[in-house]
Protein backbone atom coordinates (compact mmCIF):
# COMPACT_ATOMS: atom_id res chain seq x y z
CA MET A 1 -13.10 -83.74 39.04
CA ALA A 2 -14.12 -87.39 39.29
CA ASP A 3 -16.64 -86.53 42.02
CA SER A 4 -18.07 -83.75 39.84
CA ASP A 5 -18.52 -86.13 36.91
CA GLN A 6 -20.31 -88.64 39.10
CA THR A 7 -22.62 -85.90 40.39
CA ASP A 8 -23.50 -84.80 36.86
CA ALA A 9 -24.20 -88.38 35.82
CA ALA A 10 -26.55 -88.92 38.75
CA ALA A 11 -28.48 -85.70 38.11
CA PRO A 12 -32.08 -86.29 36.97
CA ALA A 13 -32.95 -85.71 33.33
CA PRO A 14 -34.53 -82.37 32.49
CA LEU A 15 -38.33 -82.39 32.58
CA ASP A 16 -38.57 -81.56 28.87
CA ASP A 17 -36.54 -84.64 28.02
CA VAL A 18 -38.69 -86.83 30.24
CA MET A 19 -41.88 -85.50 28.66
CA LEU A 20 -40.43 -86.01 25.22
CA ALA A 21 -39.40 -89.57 26.09
CA MET A 22 -42.96 -90.24 27.22
CA ASP A 23 -44.23 -88.89 23.92
CA VAL A 24 -41.79 -91.15 22.11
CA VAL A 25 -43.14 -94.16 23.97
CA ASP A 26 -46.68 -93.09 23.16
CA THR A 27 -45.81 -92.74 19.50
CA LEU A 28 -44.22 -96.19 19.52
CA ARG A 29 -47.32 -97.74 21.01
CA ARG A 30 -49.57 -96.08 18.46
CA ARG A 31 -47.42 -97.54 15.73
CA GLU A 32 -47.37 -101.02 17.20
CA ARG A 33 -46.75 -102.80 13.91
CA LEU A 34 -43.76 -100.65 13.19
CA VAL A 35 -42.39 -101.28 16.67
CA GLN A 36 -42.85 -105.02 16.43
CA ARG A 37 -41.15 -105.22 13.04
CA GLU A 38 -38.22 -103.04 14.06
CA LEU A 39 -37.65 -104.69 17.42
CA ASP A 40 -37.57 -108.13 15.79
CA SER A 41 -34.80 -107.16 13.35
CA GLY A 42 -31.13 -107.37 14.23
CA ASP A 43 -30.42 -103.65 14.22
CA ARG A 44 -33.92 -102.83 15.42
CA GLU A 45 -32.97 -100.11 17.90
CA GLN A 46 -30.98 -98.01 15.46
CA ALA A 47 -33.50 -98.42 12.64
CA LEU A 48 -36.34 -97.63 14.99
CA LYS A 49 -34.64 -94.45 16.17
CA GLU A 50 -34.11 -93.33 12.59
CA ARG A 51 -37.76 -93.83 11.75
CA LEU A 52 -38.81 -91.98 14.87
CA ARG A 53 -36.47 -89.13 14.08
CA LYS A 54 -38.12 -88.80 10.65
CA ILE A 55 -41.58 -88.88 12.23
CA TYR A 56 -40.72 -86.06 14.61
CA ALA A 57 -38.85 -84.12 11.93
CA GLY A 58 -42.02 -84.23 9.84
CA GLN A 59 -43.73 -82.51 12.76
CA GLY A 60 -40.97 -79.92 13.08
CA ILE A 61 -39.65 -81.43 16.31
CA GLU A 62 -35.96 -82.10 16.77
CA VAL A 63 -35.33 -85.09 19.04
CA SER A 64 -31.91 -85.98 20.35
CA ASP A 65 -30.38 -89.44 20.13
CA ALA A 66 -30.44 -89.71 23.91
CA VAL A 67 -34.20 -89.04 24.08
CA LEU A 68 -34.91 -91.58 21.36
CA SER A 69 -32.77 -94.17 23.13
CA GLU A 70 -34.52 -93.47 26.40
CA GLY A 71 -37.92 -93.83 24.71
CA VAL A 72 -37.02 -97.18 23.11
CA LYS A 73 -35.62 -98.42 26.40
CA ALA A 74 -38.77 -97.28 28.24
CA LEU A 75 -40.93 -99.16 25.77
CA GLU A 76 -38.98 -102.35 26.32
CA GLU A 77 -39.24 -101.91 30.09
CA ASP A 78 -42.97 -101.01 29.89
CA ARG A 79 -42.36 -97.75 31.61
CA PHE A 80 -45.05 -95.05 31.57
CA VAL A 81 -47.66 -97.85 31.50
CA TYR A 82 -50.43 -97.72 34.03
CA ARG A 83 -50.85 -100.91 36.02
CA PRO A 84 -53.82 -101.06 38.34
CA PRO A 85 -52.95 -101.80 41.98
CA ASP A 86 -53.48 -105.26 43.39
CA PRO A 87 -56.78 -105.75 45.25
CA SER A 88 -56.55 -104.76 48.92
CA LEU A 89 -58.56 -103.11 51.68
CA SER A 90 -56.94 -99.75 51.07
CA VAL A 91 -57.69 -99.95 47.34
CA THR A 92 -61.33 -100.86 48.06
CA LEU A 93 -61.66 -97.95 50.51
CA ALA A 94 -60.09 -95.59 48.00
CA ARG A 95 -62.52 -96.64 45.28
CA LEU A 96 -65.44 -96.22 47.68
CA TYR A 97 -64.20 -92.73 48.50
CA VAL A 98 -63.92 -91.79 44.82
CA GLY A 99 -67.44 -93.08 44.15
CA ARG A 100 -68.97 -91.33 47.16
CA GLY A 101 -70.88 -88.95 44.92
CA VAL A 102 -72.99 -91.88 43.68
CA TRP A 103 -73.42 -94.14 46.69
CA GLY A 104 -73.41 -91.20 49.12
CA LYS A 105 -76.81 -90.02 47.85
CA TRP A 106 -78.31 -93.49 48.33
CA LEU A 107 -76.76 -93.77 51.78
CA LEU A 108 -78.09 -90.37 52.84
CA GLY A 109 -81.53 -91.30 51.49
CA ALA A 110 -81.51 -94.59 53.41
CA LEU A 111 -80.40 -92.85 56.62
CA ALA A 112 -83.12 -90.22 56.17
CA GLY A 113 -85.68 -92.99 55.69
CA VAL A 114 -84.54 -94.78 58.83
CA ALA A 115 -84.64 -91.53 60.79
CA LEU A 116 -88.17 -90.83 59.52
CA LEU A 117 -89.32 -94.30 60.56
CA LEU A 118 -87.79 -93.84 64.01
CA VAL A 119 -89.52 -90.49 64.45
CA ALA A 120 -92.84 -91.94 63.25
CA TRP A 121 -92.46 -94.92 65.58
CA GLN A 122 -91.73 -92.59 68.48
CA MET A 123 -94.68 -90.29 67.73
CA LEU A 124 -97.27 -92.88 66.68
CA VAL A 125 -96.41 -95.82 68.93
CA VAL A 126 -94.04 -95.07 71.80
CA ALA A 127 -95.47 -91.68 72.83
CA PRO A 128 -99.15 -92.82 72.83
CA ARG A 129 -98.23 -95.95 74.80
CA THR A 130 -96.33 -93.87 77.34
CA ALA A 131 -99.24 -91.45 77.71
CA LEU A 132 -101.89 -94.21 77.79
CA PRO A 133 -102.21 -94.54 81.61
CA GLU A 134 -102.57 -90.79 82.02
CA ARG A 135 -105.12 -90.53 79.18
CA LEU A 136 -107.19 -93.37 80.64
CA GLN A 137 -107.27 -91.70 84.04
CA ALA A 138 -108.25 -88.34 82.54
CA MET A 139 -111.01 -89.82 80.36
CA HIS A 140 -112.39 -91.76 83.31
CA ALA A 141 -112.54 -88.54 85.33
CA GLU A 142 -114.38 -86.72 82.50
CA VAL A 143 -116.97 -89.50 82.23
CA LYS A 144 -117.53 -89.48 85.99
CA GLU A 145 -117.98 -85.73 85.98
CA LEU A 146 -120.58 -85.84 83.20
CA ALA A 147 -122.55 -88.85 84.41
CA VAL A 148 -125.66 -88.35 86.55
CA ASP A 149 -126.50 -92.05 86.89
CA ASP A 150 -124.78 -94.36 89.34
CA ALA A 151 -124.90 -97.10 86.72
CA VAL A 152 -122.74 -95.01 84.36
CA ASP A 153 -120.26 -94.32 87.18
CA ALA A 154 -120.03 -98.04 87.86
CA ARG A 155 -119.46 -98.78 84.17
CA ALA A 156 -116.68 -96.18 83.96
CA ASP A 157 -114.99 -97.65 87.04
CA SER A 158 -115.19 -101.13 85.55
CA LEU A 159 -113.66 -100.00 82.27
CA LEU A 160 -110.78 -98.25 84.04
CA ALA A 161 -110.08 -101.32 86.18
CA SER A 162 -109.92 -103.58 83.11
CA ALA A 163 -107.58 -101.12 81.37
CA LYS A 164 -105.23 -101.03 84.36
CA GLN A 165 -105.12 -104.81 84.45
CA ALA A 166 -104.35 -104.89 80.73
CA LEU A 167 -101.47 -102.45 81.25
CA ARG A 168 -100.07 -104.59 84.07
CA ASP A 169 -100.19 -107.56 81.67
CA GLY A 170 -98.43 -105.54 78.97
CA ASP A 171 -101.53 -105.64 76.76
CA THR A 172 -101.56 -102.08 75.42
CA GLY A 173 -103.97 -103.07 72.64
CA THR A 174 -106.75 -103.92 75.09
CA ALA A 175 -105.99 -100.79 77.13
CA SER A 176 -106.30 -98.68 73.95
CA ASP A 177 -109.65 -100.32 73.16
CA VAL A 178 -110.89 -99.43 76.64
CA LEU A 179 -109.78 -95.83 76.09
CA GLU A 180 -111.91 -95.73 72.94
CA GLU A 181 -114.89 -97.10 74.89
CA LEU A 182 -114.49 -94.38 77.50
CA GLN A 183 -114.26 -91.75 74.75
CA ASP A 184 -117.47 -93.07 73.16
CA LEU A 185 -119.13 -93.06 76.56
CA ARG A 186 -118.15 -89.45 77.10
CA SER A 187 -119.52 -88.48 73.66
CA GLN A 188 -122.83 -90.15 74.43
CA LEU A 189 -123.05 -88.41 77.79
CA GLU A 190 -122.29 -85.02 76.22
CA ALA A 191 -124.99 -85.42 73.57
CA GLU A 192 -128.31 -83.66 74.10
CA TYR A 193 -131.18 -84.06 71.69
CA SER A 194 -134.89 -84.70 71.22
CA ILE A 195 -136.24 -87.79 69.46
CA ARG A 196 -138.86 -86.91 66.87
CA VAL A 197 -140.87 -88.86 64.30
CA VAL A 198 -139.65 -88.16 60.76
CA ASN A 199 -142.21 -85.64 59.62
CA ARG A 200 -141.43 -84.71 56.04
CA ALA A 201 -143.43 -85.15 52.85
CA GLY A 202 -142.43 -88.17 50.82
CA GLU A 203 -140.65 -89.90 53.72
CA ARG A 204 -141.85 -92.80 55.82
CA SER A 205 -142.89 -92.14 59.40
CA GLY A 206 -143.46 -95.76 60.35
CA VAL A 207 -143.10 -99.40 59.27
CA TRP A 208 -144.25 -102.79 60.53
CA ARG A 209 -142.45 -106.13 60.38
CA VAL A 210 -143.48 -109.76 60.77
CA PRO A 211 -141.03 -111.36 63.25
CA ASP A 212 -139.41 -114.65 62.30
CA ALA A 213 -140.27 -116.15 65.69
CA ASN A 214 -144.01 -115.50 65.27
CA THR A 215 -145.26 -115.06 61.73
CA SER A 216 -148.80 -114.36 62.92
CA ALA A 217 -147.70 -111.21 64.78
CA ARG A 218 -146.51 -107.77 63.72
CA ASN A 219 -143.89 -105.47 65.21
CA TYR A 220 -144.58 -101.76 64.77
CA TYR A 221 -141.90 -99.08 64.51
CA LEU A 222 -141.92 -95.29 64.26
CA ILE A 223 -139.14 -93.89 62.08
CA VAL A 224 -137.42 -91.35 64.30
CA GLU A 225 -134.37 -89.09 64.31
CA ALA A 226 -132.24 -87.27 66.90
CA VAL A 227 -132.54 -83.48 66.61
CA GLY A 228 -129.95 -81.39 68.47
CA PRO A 229 -130.61 -78.04 70.22
CA SER A 230 -129.62 -76.17 67.05
CA GLY A 231 -132.12 -78.13 64.96
CA ARG A 232 -129.47 -80.23 63.27
CA VAL A 233 -130.11 -83.97 62.89
CA LEU A 234 -127.43 -85.94 64.75
CA ARG A 235 -125.90 -89.38 64.22
CA VAL A 236 -126.29 -91.50 67.34
CA PRO A 237 -125.46 -95.09 68.32
CA VAL A 238 -128.42 -97.44 67.98
CA THR A 239 -128.50 -101.20 68.58
CA ASN A 240 -130.47 -103.16 66.00
CA GLU A 241 -132.63 -105.70 67.86
CA GLU A 242 -132.64 -108.02 64.82
CA THR A 243 -128.86 -108.25 64.44
CA GLY A 244 -127.54 -107.21 67.84
CA GLU A 245 -125.15 -104.77 66.11
CA THR A 246 -124.71 -101.18 67.27
CA GLU A 247 -124.52 -98.66 64.43
CA MET A 248 -124.14 -94.89 64.11
CA VAL A 249 -127.31 -93.71 62.33
CA ASP A 250 -129.22 -90.50 61.68
CA ARG A 251 -132.62 -92.26 61.78
CA TRP A 252 -133.93 -95.55 63.11
CA GLY A 253 -137.12 -97.46 63.74
CA LEU A 254 -138.29 -97.25 67.37
CA ARG A 255 -140.61 -100.07 68.42
CA VAL A 256 -144.03 -99.03 69.72
CA SER A 257 -147.41 -100.66 70.28
CA GLU A 258 -149.97 -100.97 67.51
CA ARG A 259 -152.14 -98.40 69.31
CA VAL A 260 -149.37 -95.77 69.30
CA PHE A 261 -148.47 -96.63 65.71
CA GLU A 262 -152.06 -96.17 64.52
CA SER A 263 -152.42 -92.93 66.50
CA VAL A 264 -149.42 -91.40 64.74
CA ALA A 265 -150.71 -92.70 61.41
CA ARG A 266 -154.06 -90.93 61.95
CA ASP A 267 -152.26 -87.76 63.01
CA LYS A 268 -150.30 -87.72 59.77
CA GLY A 269 -153.32 -88.71 57.71
CA ASP A 270 -155.27 -85.59 58.74
CA ASP A 271 -153.18 -83.03 56.90
CA GLY A 272 -149.89 -84.77 56.07
CA ILE A 273 -148.22 -83.34 59.18
CA ILE A 274 -147.66 -85.11 62.50
CA GLN A 275 -148.60 -82.61 65.19
CA ALA A 276 -147.43 -84.74 68.12
CA ASP A 277 -144.06 -85.81 66.69
CA LEU A 278 -142.04 -85.64 69.93
CA VAL A 279 -141.17 -89.17 71.12
CA GLY A 280 -138.70 -88.40 73.89
CA ARG A 281 -135.64 -86.48 75.03
CA LYS A 282 -132.07 -87.47 75.75
CA ALA A 283 -130.50 -85.18 78.36
CA ALA A 284 -126.78 -84.49 78.79
CA GLY A 285 -125.21 -86.72 81.42
CA ARG A 286 -127.54 -89.64 80.65
CA LEU A 287 -127.17 -92.54 78.25
CA ALA A 288 -130.84 -93.48 77.80
CA PRO A 289 -133.58 -91.11 76.62
CA ASP A 290 -136.74 -90.36 78.56
CA TYR A 291 -139.72 -91.23 76.34
CA ASP A 292 -143.00 -89.31 76.12
CA MET A 293 -144.62 -92.12 74.11
CA PRO A 294 -144.92 -95.71 75.30
CA THR A 295 -142.07 -97.76 73.76
CA THR A 296 -139.96 -100.79 74.56
CA GLY A 297 -136.84 -98.90 73.41
CA ALA A 298 -136.07 -101.70 70.92
CA ALA A 299 -135.00 -100.53 67.49
CA ILE A 300 -134.15 -101.47 63.92
CA THR A 301 -131.71 -99.65 61.64
CA ASP A 302 -132.94 -100.73 58.19
CA TRP A 303 -136.33 -101.32 56.64
């Protein structure tokens, strides 16, 4: 029988009693002034239990003496009070895990940004650098195939040699610049057009300039344009003799003698139309045009 009594005493309290004791503690905390006053008096525990019994009776709840005692004891022992855990690595990791919904979005965004930068770097920098030697060789071959002048072949060979040396030195920037030069050279070789004096009402067909080096002289220029096989006016590279700069233009001043200049002026003065407006032709595979009119080939790009 003694063993049975010990077993009953060690048995856990019913869940309802535990929940009720927790409610008692909660009620005590909400009525902190009452708790403080009662716990400071000599018979505080008994008086406090009586007051609590009345509180619960007013709510229609019957609370046993044992539950009230357990609640008062729990209050004194600070049971059912949440105490945050001491700082530690595991606590920090747990908090990070709980907050993953917030920082996870930022982390995923940052990772996506890094991945995008890596892809862009690969596509825009690494891949072009890797393909640069092959592209240089292919562009050189295209230029050589188009060119009909030995001088153009020699220029293409020189450009390729300088690009290869730049690649050996690790200077991909210079090699890329050479590739652009070869591409421009190919475009010029592919172009085919006739050079004609601008022959439209209200537009200039010629100008003259006084050179700075000799103010007693005049330089004469016909205003010309490059007309493609389809009749469309093209933009072509022209070097301005006054600045030394090469520009892409759709018209320019081509230097001619005074005699040629005056001849064209008379032609236009007859009826407002220049009958002999053809100045020269630029054939595919060549860089320089073949001129039908006498000219030095020097040019200006503004007037």
